[in-house]
N, C-alpha and C. Protein backbone atom coordinates (compact mmCIF):
# COMPACT_ATOMS: atom_id res chain seq x y z
N MET A 1 23.86 44.59 11.43
CA MET A 1 23.33 45.70 10.69
C MET A 1 21.86 45.41 10.41
N GLY A 2 21.43 45.45 9.15
CA GLY A 2 20.06 45.10 8.86
C GLY A 2 19.09 46.26 8.92
N ARG A 3 19.44 47.32 9.62
CA ARG A 3 18.56 48.48 9.68
C ARG A 3 18.99 49.47 8.61
N ASP A 4 18.01 50.24 8.06
CA ASP A 4 18.29 51.18 6.97
C ASP A 4 19.40 52.17 7.32
N GLN A 5 19.39 52.69 8.56
CA GLN A 5 20.38 53.70 8.91
C GLN A 5 21.78 53.13 8.99
N ASP A 6 21.93 51.82 9.07
CA ASP A 6 23.25 51.20 9.14
C ASP A 6 23.83 50.91 7.75
N GLN A 7 23.02 50.94 6.72
CA GLN A 7 23.47 50.62 5.38
C GLN A 7 24.18 51.82 4.75
N MET A 8 25.29 51.56 4.04
CA MET A 8 26.01 52.62 3.34
C MET A 8 26.12 52.19 1.88
N ASN A 9 25.68 53.07 1.00
CA ASN A 9 25.77 52.85 -0.45
C ASN A 9 26.79 53.84 -1.00
N PHE A 10 27.55 53.43 -2.03
CA PHE A 10 28.65 54.24 -2.54
C PHE A 10 28.53 54.51 -4.03
N LEU A 11 28.97 55.71 -4.42
CA LEU A 11 29.25 56.05 -5.81
C LEU A 11 30.72 56.47 -5.78
N GLY A 12 31.59 55.58 -6.23
CA GLY A 12 33.02 55.74 -6.04
C GLY A 12 33.67 56.78 -6.92
N LYS A 13 34.89 57.18 -6.52
CA LYS A 13 35.70 58.13 -7.26
C LYS A 13 35.91 57.61 -8.68
N GLY A 14 35.77 58.50 -9.66
CA GLY A 14 35.93 58.11 -11.05
C GLY A 14 34.64 57.64 -11.70
N THR A 15 33.57 57.50 -10.91
CA THR A 15 32.28 57.05 -11.42
C THR A 15 31.39 58.26 -11.69
N THR A 16 30.66 58.21 -12.81
CA THR A 16 29.72 59.27 -13.18
C THR A 16 28.34 58.66 -13.31
N PHE A 17 27.33 59.35 -12.74
CA PHE A 17 25.95 58.87 -12.80
C PHE A 17 25.04 60.05 -13.08
N THR A 18 24.10 59.85 -14.01
CA THR A 18 23.09 60.86 -14.32
C THR A 18 21.73 60.21 -14.19
N GLY A 19 20.81 60.86 -13.45
CA GLY A 19 19.46 60.30 -13.31
C GLY A 19 18.88 60.56 -11.95
N LYS A 20 18.01 59.63 -11.52
CA LYS A 20 17.34 59.73 -10.23
C LYS A 20 17.84 58.60 -9.33
N LEU A 21 18.16 58.96 -8.10
CA LEU A 21 18.65 57.98 -7.14
C LEU A 21 17.79 58.07 -5.88
N ARG A 22 17.14 56.96 -5.53
CA ARG A 22 16.33 56.89 -4.32
C ARG A 22 16.90 55.75 -3.48
N VAL A 23 17.31 56.07 -2.23
CA VAL A 23 17.99 55.10 -1.40
C VAL A 23 17.39 55.07 0.00
N SER A 24 17.17 53.87 0.51
CA SER A 24 16.80 53.68 1.90
C SER A 24 18.09 53.40 2.65
N GLY A 25 18.50 54.33 3.49
CA GLY A 25 19.77 54.20 4.19
C GLY A 25 20.64 55.41 3.95
N ASN A 26 21.96 55.19 3.89
CA ASN A 26 22.94 56.25 3.71
C ASN A 26 23.63 56.13 2.36
N VAL A 27 24.11 57.26 1.83
CA VAL A 27 24.83 57.26 0.55
C VAL A 27 26.08 58.12 0.69
N ARG A 28 27.18 57.63 0.13
CA ARG A 28 28.42 58.43 0.03
C ARG A 28 28.76 58.55 -1.44
N ILE A 29 29.00 59.79 -1.88
CA ILE A 29 29.36 60.06 -3.27
C ILE A 29 30.76 60.64 -3.32
N ASP A 30 31.66 59.91 -3.98
CA ASP A 30 33.01 60.38 -4.21
C ASP A 30 33.25 60.60 -5.70
N GLY A 31 32.27 60.28 -6.53
CA GLY A 31 32.33 60.48 -7.97
C GLY A 31 31.49 61.70 -8.35
N ALA A 32 30.92 61.66 -9.56
CA ALA A 32 30.11 62.77 -10.07
C ALA A 32 28.68 62.30 -10.27
N PHE A 33 27.73 63.08 -9.78
CA PHE A 33 26.31 62.77 -9.90
C PHE A 33 25.58 63.99 -10.42
N GLU A 34 24.65 63.75 -11.37
CA GLU A 34 23.79 64.82 -11.86
C GLU A 34 22.37 64.30 -11.90
N GLY A 35 21.45 65.02 -11.26
CA GLY A 35 20.05 64.61 -11.25
C GLY A 35 19.41 64.83 -9.90
N GLU A 36 18.55 63.89 -9.49
CA GLU A 36 17.82 63.97 -8.23
C GLU A 36 18.27 62.86 -7.29
N ILE A 37 18.47 63.22 -6.02
CA ILE A 37 18.84 62.24 -5.01
C ILE A 37 17.85 62.36 -3.85
N GLU A 38 17.29 61.22 -3.46
CA GLU A 38 16.42 61.17 -2.29
C GLU A 38 16.96 60.05 -1.39
N VAL A 39 17.37 60.42 -0.18
CA VAL A 39 18.01 59.49 0.75
C VAL A 39 17.26 59.52 2.08
N SER A 40 16.90 58.34 2.60
CA SER A 40 16.13 58.31 3.85
C SER A 40 16.96 58.72 5.06
N GLU A 41 18.26 58.55 5.00
CA GLU A 41 19.14 58.90 6.13
C GLU A 41 20.11 60.00 5.70
N SER A 42 21.42 59.72 5.66
CA SER A 42 22.42 60.75 5.38
C SER A 42 23.04 60.62 4.01
N LEU A 43 23.33 61.77 3.42
CA LEU A 43 24.08 61.86 2.17
C LEU A 43 25.42 62.49 2.51
N ILE A 44 26.50 61.82 2.11
CA ILE A 44 27.85 62.33 2.31
C ILE A 44 28.45 62.54 0.94
N ILE A 45 28.90 63.75 0.67
CA ILE A 45 29.59 64.05 -0.59
C ILE A 45 31.04 64.30 -0.20
N GLY A 46 31.90 63.35 -0.57
CA GLY A 46 33.32 63.42 -0.20
C GLY A 46 34.06 64.53 -0.90
N LYS A 47 35.30 64.75 -0.53
CA LYS A 47 36.14 65.82 -1.10
C LYS A 47 36.24 65.73 -2.61
N SER A 48 36.26 64.52 -3.17
CA SER A 48 36.36 64.35 -4.62
C SER A 48 34.98 64.27 -5.29
N GLY A 49 33.92 64.32 -4.50
CA GLY A 49 32.57 64.18 -5.02
C GLY A 49 31.98 65.49 -5.53
N SER A 50 31.10 65.36 -6.53
CA SER A 50 30.37 66.53 -7.02
C SER A 50 28.94 66.11 -7.36
N VAL A 51 28.01 66.97 -7.00
CA VAL A 51 26.59 66.73 -7.25
C VAL A 51 26.00 67.98 -7.88
N LYS A 52 25.25 67.76 -8.96
CA LYS A 52 24.53 68.85 -9.62
C LYS A 52 23.09 68.41 -9.71
N GLY A 53 22.19 69.14 -9.03
CA GLY A 53 20.79 68.75 -9.08
C GLY A 53 20.06 69.07 -7.79
N HIS A 54 19.13 68.19 -7.44
CA HIS A 54 18.28 68.38 -6.27
C HIS A 54 18.49 67.24 -5.29
N VAL A 55 18.63 67.59 -4.00
CA VAL A 55 18.89 66.60 -2.97
C VAL A 55 17.86 66.73 -1.86
N LYS A 56 17.32 65.58 -1.43
CA LYS A 56 16.45 65.51 -0.27
C LYS A 56 16.97 64.38 0.61
N ALA A 57 17.30 64.71 1.87
CA ALA A 57 17.86 63.72 2.80
C ALA A 57 17.55 64.15 4.23
N LYS A 58 17.79 63.23 5.15
CA LYS A 58 17.66 63.57 6.57
C LYS A 58 18.81 64.48 6.99
N GLY A 59 20.03 64.12 6.59
CA GLY A 59 21.22 64.91 6.90
C GLY A 59 22.16 64.91 5.72
N VAL A 60 22.96 65.97 5.60
CA VAL A 60 23.91 66.09 4.49
C VAL A 60 25.24 66.57 5.04
N ILE A 61 26.31 65.92 4.58
CA ILE A 61 27.67 66.38 4.85
C ILE A 61 28.32 66.62 3.50
N LEU A 62 28.74 67.87 3.26
CA LEU A 62 29.34 68.23 1.99
C LEU A 62 30.81 68.56 2.19
N GLY A 63 31.67 67.77 1.54
CA GLY A 63 33.10 68.02 1.55
C GLY A 63 33.59 68.43 0.18
N GLY A 64 32.81 68.12 -0.86
CA GLY A 64 33.19 68.41 -2.24
C GLY A 64 32.39 69.56 -2.82
N LYS A 65 31.79 69.32 -4.01
CA LYS A 65 31.08 70.38 -4.73
C LYS A 65 29.61 70.03 -4.92
N MET A 66 28.77 71.04 -4.79
CA MET A 66 27.33 70.86 -4.99
C MET A 66 26.78 72.09 -5.69
N GLU A 67 25.97 71.84 -6.71
CA GLU A 67 25.26 72.92 -7.39
C GLU A 67 23.81 72.48 -7.51
N GLY A 68 22.91 73.26 -6.92
CA GLY A 68 21.50 72.91 -6.96
C GLY A 68 20.80 73.26 -5.68
N THR A 69 19.86 72.41 -5.27
CA THR A 69 19.10 72.66 -4.05
C THR A 69 19.24 71.48 -3.09
N PHE A 70 19.34 71.81 -1.81
CA PHE A 70 19.44 70.83 -0.73
C PHE A 70 18.24 70.97 0.16
N PHE A 71 17.62 69.86 0.52
CA PHE A 71 16.61 69.85 1.58
C PHE A 71 17.04 68.80 2.58
N ALA A 72 17.25 69.20 3.83
CA ALA A 72 17.60 68.25 4.88
C ALA A 72 16.64 68.46 6.04
N SER A 73 15.96 67.40 6.44
CA SER A 73 15.01 67.52 7.55
C SER A 73 15.73 67.71 8.88
N ASP A 74 17.05 67.48 8.90
CA ASP A 74 17.83 67.64 10.11
C ASP A 74 18.96 68.65 9.87
N LYS A 75 20.17 68.18 9.65
CA LYS A 75 21.36 69.03 9.65
C LYS A 75 22.11 68.98 8.33
N ILE A 76 22.67 70.12 7.94
CA ILE A 76 23.60 70.20 6.81
C ILE A 76 24.93 70.69 7.36
N GLU A 77 25.99 69.97 7.01
CA GLU A 77 27.34 70.34 7.42
C GLU A 77 28.18 70.61 6.19
N LEU A 78 28.75 71.81 6.10
CA LEU A 78 29.64 72.18 4.99
C LEU A 78 31.06 72.17 5.53
N GLN A 79 31.85 71.20 5.06
CA GLN A 79 33.20 71.02 5.57
C GLN A 79 34.19 71.92 4.84
N SER A 80 35.32 72.19 5.48
CA SER A 80 36.35 73.03 4.90
C SER A 80 36.71 72.56 3.49
N GLY A 81 36.73 73.48 2.54
CA GLY A 81 37.02 73.16 1.14
C GLY A 81 35.79 72.88 0.31
N ALA A 82 34.62 72.79 0.94
CA ALA A 82 33.37 72.53 0.21
C ALA A 82 32.99 73.74 -0.63
N HIS A 83 32.27 73.47 -1.72
CA HIS A 83 31.83 74.51 -2.64
C HIS A 83 30.35 74.28 -2.91
N LEU A 84 29.49 75.19 -2.46
CA LEU A 84 28.04 75.06 -2.63
C LEU A 84 27.48 76.28 -3.34
N SER A 85 26.87 76.05 -4.49
CA SER A 85 26.14 77.09 -5.21
C SER A 85 24.71 76.63 -5.29
N GLY A 86 23.83 77.25 -4.51
CA GLY A 86 22.43 76.84 -4.53
C GLY A 86 21.74 77.18 -3.24
N ASP A 87 20.52 76.72 -3.13
CA ASP A 87 19.68 77.03 -1.99
C ASP A 87 19.53 75.81 -1.08
N ILE A 88 19.49 76.07 0.23
CA ILE A 88 19.35 74.98 1.19
C ILE A 88 18.21 75.28 2.15
N THR A 89 17.55 74.21 2.57
CA THR A 89 16.54 74.25 3.61
C THR A 89 16.91 73.17 4.61
N CYS A 90 17.00 73.55 5.90
CA CYS A 90 17.43 72.59 6.91
C CYS A 90 17.01 73.06 8.29
N ARG A 91 17.15 72.16 9.26
CA ARG A 91 16.86 72.50 10.66
C ARG A 91 18.08 73.18 11.29
N SER A 92 19.30 72.69 10.98
CA SER A 92 20.51 73.34 11.49
C SER A 92 21.59 73.28 10.42
N LEU A 93 22.52 74.25 10.50
CA LEU A 93 23.56 74.40 9.50
C LEU A 93 24.89 74.64 10.19
N LEU A 94 25.91 73.88 9.77
CA LEU A 94 27.27 74.05 10.28
C LEU A 94 28.16 74.37 9.09
N ILE A 95 28.85 75.51 9.15
CA ILE A 95 29.76 75.91 8.07
C ILE A 95 31.15 76.09 8.67
N GLN A 96 32.10 75.28 8.20
CA GLN A 96 33.48 75.38 8.67
C GLN A 96 34.21 76.47 7.89
N ASP A 97 35.38 76.89 8.39
CA ASP A 97 36.23 77.84 7.67
C ASP A 97 36.62 77.25 6.33
N GLY A 98 36.77 78.11 5.32
CA GLY A 98 37.23 77.67 4.01
C GLY A 98 36.14 77.13 3.11
N VAL A 99 34.88 77.42 3.41
CA VAL A 99 33.75 76.97 2.60
C VAL A 99 33.31 78.10 1.67
N PHE A 100 33.02 77.75 0.42
CA PHE A 100 32.38 78.69 -0.50
C PHE A 100 30.90 78.36 -0.53
N PHE A 101 30.06 79.32 -0.17
CA PHE A 101 28.60 79.13 -0.20
C PHE A 101 27.97 80.35 -0.83
N GLU A 102 27.30 80.13 -1.96
CA GLU A 102 26.57 81.20 -2.64
C GLU A 102 25.16 80.70 -2.86
N GLY A 103 24.21 81.34 -2.18
CA GLY A 103 22.82 80.92 -2.30
C GLY A 103 22.02 81.41 -1.12
N ASN A 104 20.89 80.77 -0.90
CA ASN A 104 19.99 81.13 0.18
C ASN A 104 19.83 79.96 1.14
N CYS A 105 19.53 80.29 2.41
CA CYS A 105 19.31 79.27 3.42
C CYS A 105 18.03 79.60 4.18
N LYS A 106 17.15 78.60 4.31
CA LYS A 106 15.93 78.73 5.10
C LYS A 106 16.01 77.71 6.22
N MET A 107 15.75 78.18 7.45
CA MET A 107 15.89 77.29 8.59
C MET A 107 14.67 77.28 9.51
N SER A 108 13.57 77.87 9.14
CA SER A 108 12.41 77.88 10.02
C SER A 108 11.68 76.54 9.98
N PRO A 109 11.09 76.13 11.11
CA PRO A 109 10.39 74.84 11.17
C PRO A 109 9.27 74.70 10.13
N GLU A 110 8.64 75.80 9.74
CA GLU A 110 7.57 75.73 8.74
C GLU A 110 8.08 75.20 7.40
N ASN A 111 9.31 75.54 7.06
CA ASN A 111 9.89 75.09 5.80
C ASN A 111 10.19 73.59 5.80
N LEU A 112 10.25 72.98 6.99
CA LEU A 112 10.62 71.58 7.08
C LEU A 112 9.41 70.64 7.11
N LYS A 113 8.22 71.19 7.20
CA LYS A 113 7.03 70.35 7.25
C LYS A 113 6.77 69.64 5.93
N GLU A 114 7.00 70.30 4.85
CA GLU A 114 6.74 69.72 3.53
C GLU A 114 7.96 69.94 2.64
N PRO A 115 8.69 68.86 2.32
CA PRO A 115 9.87 69.02 1.47
C PRO A 115 9.46 69.45 0.07
N PRO A 116 10.38 70.06 -0.66
CA PRO A 116 10.06 70.46 -2.02
C PRO A 116 9.75 69.26 -2.90
N LYS A 117 8.86 69.45 -3.84
CA LYS A 117 8.50 68.39 -4.78
C LYS A 117 9.65 68.14 -5.73
N MET A 118 9.98 66.87 -5.91
CA MET A 118 11.00 66.50 -6.88
C MET A 118 10.36 66.51 -8.26
N ASN A 119 11.14 66.87 -9.25
CA ASN A 119 10.66 66.89 -10.62
C ASN A 119 10.54 65.46 -11.12
N ARG A 120 9.33 64.95 -11.14
CA ARG A 120 9.09 63.55 -11.56
C ARG A 120 8.45 63.54 -12.94
N GLU A 121 9.26 63.21 -13.92
CA GLU A 121 8.79 63.20 -15.31
C GLU A 121 8.27 61.83 -15.68
């Protein structure tokens, strides 16, 4: 391993975290997160995971619940049973059957040049 894209960081089921999370590599969330997430590679939100806030990542796979804004420089995948309330910006979007999505989606290359500013207090 040793490379950022090979690393996987976890927030396990039953765990709650509030704040800012910045990770070099990949992150999987099966617990509850509220705040800002910035991931250099992929963010995976498992079926039991929930995120409320702002997300910036290379790729996102959502199996659980998300409320807020997503920015992915590559792909966002919404898996069956996922629940998304919020706005997304991405290069490509995959939505499986059984997904709840309420919000807006922007997919033009101009939107991907400059990610949204994170609220840094």
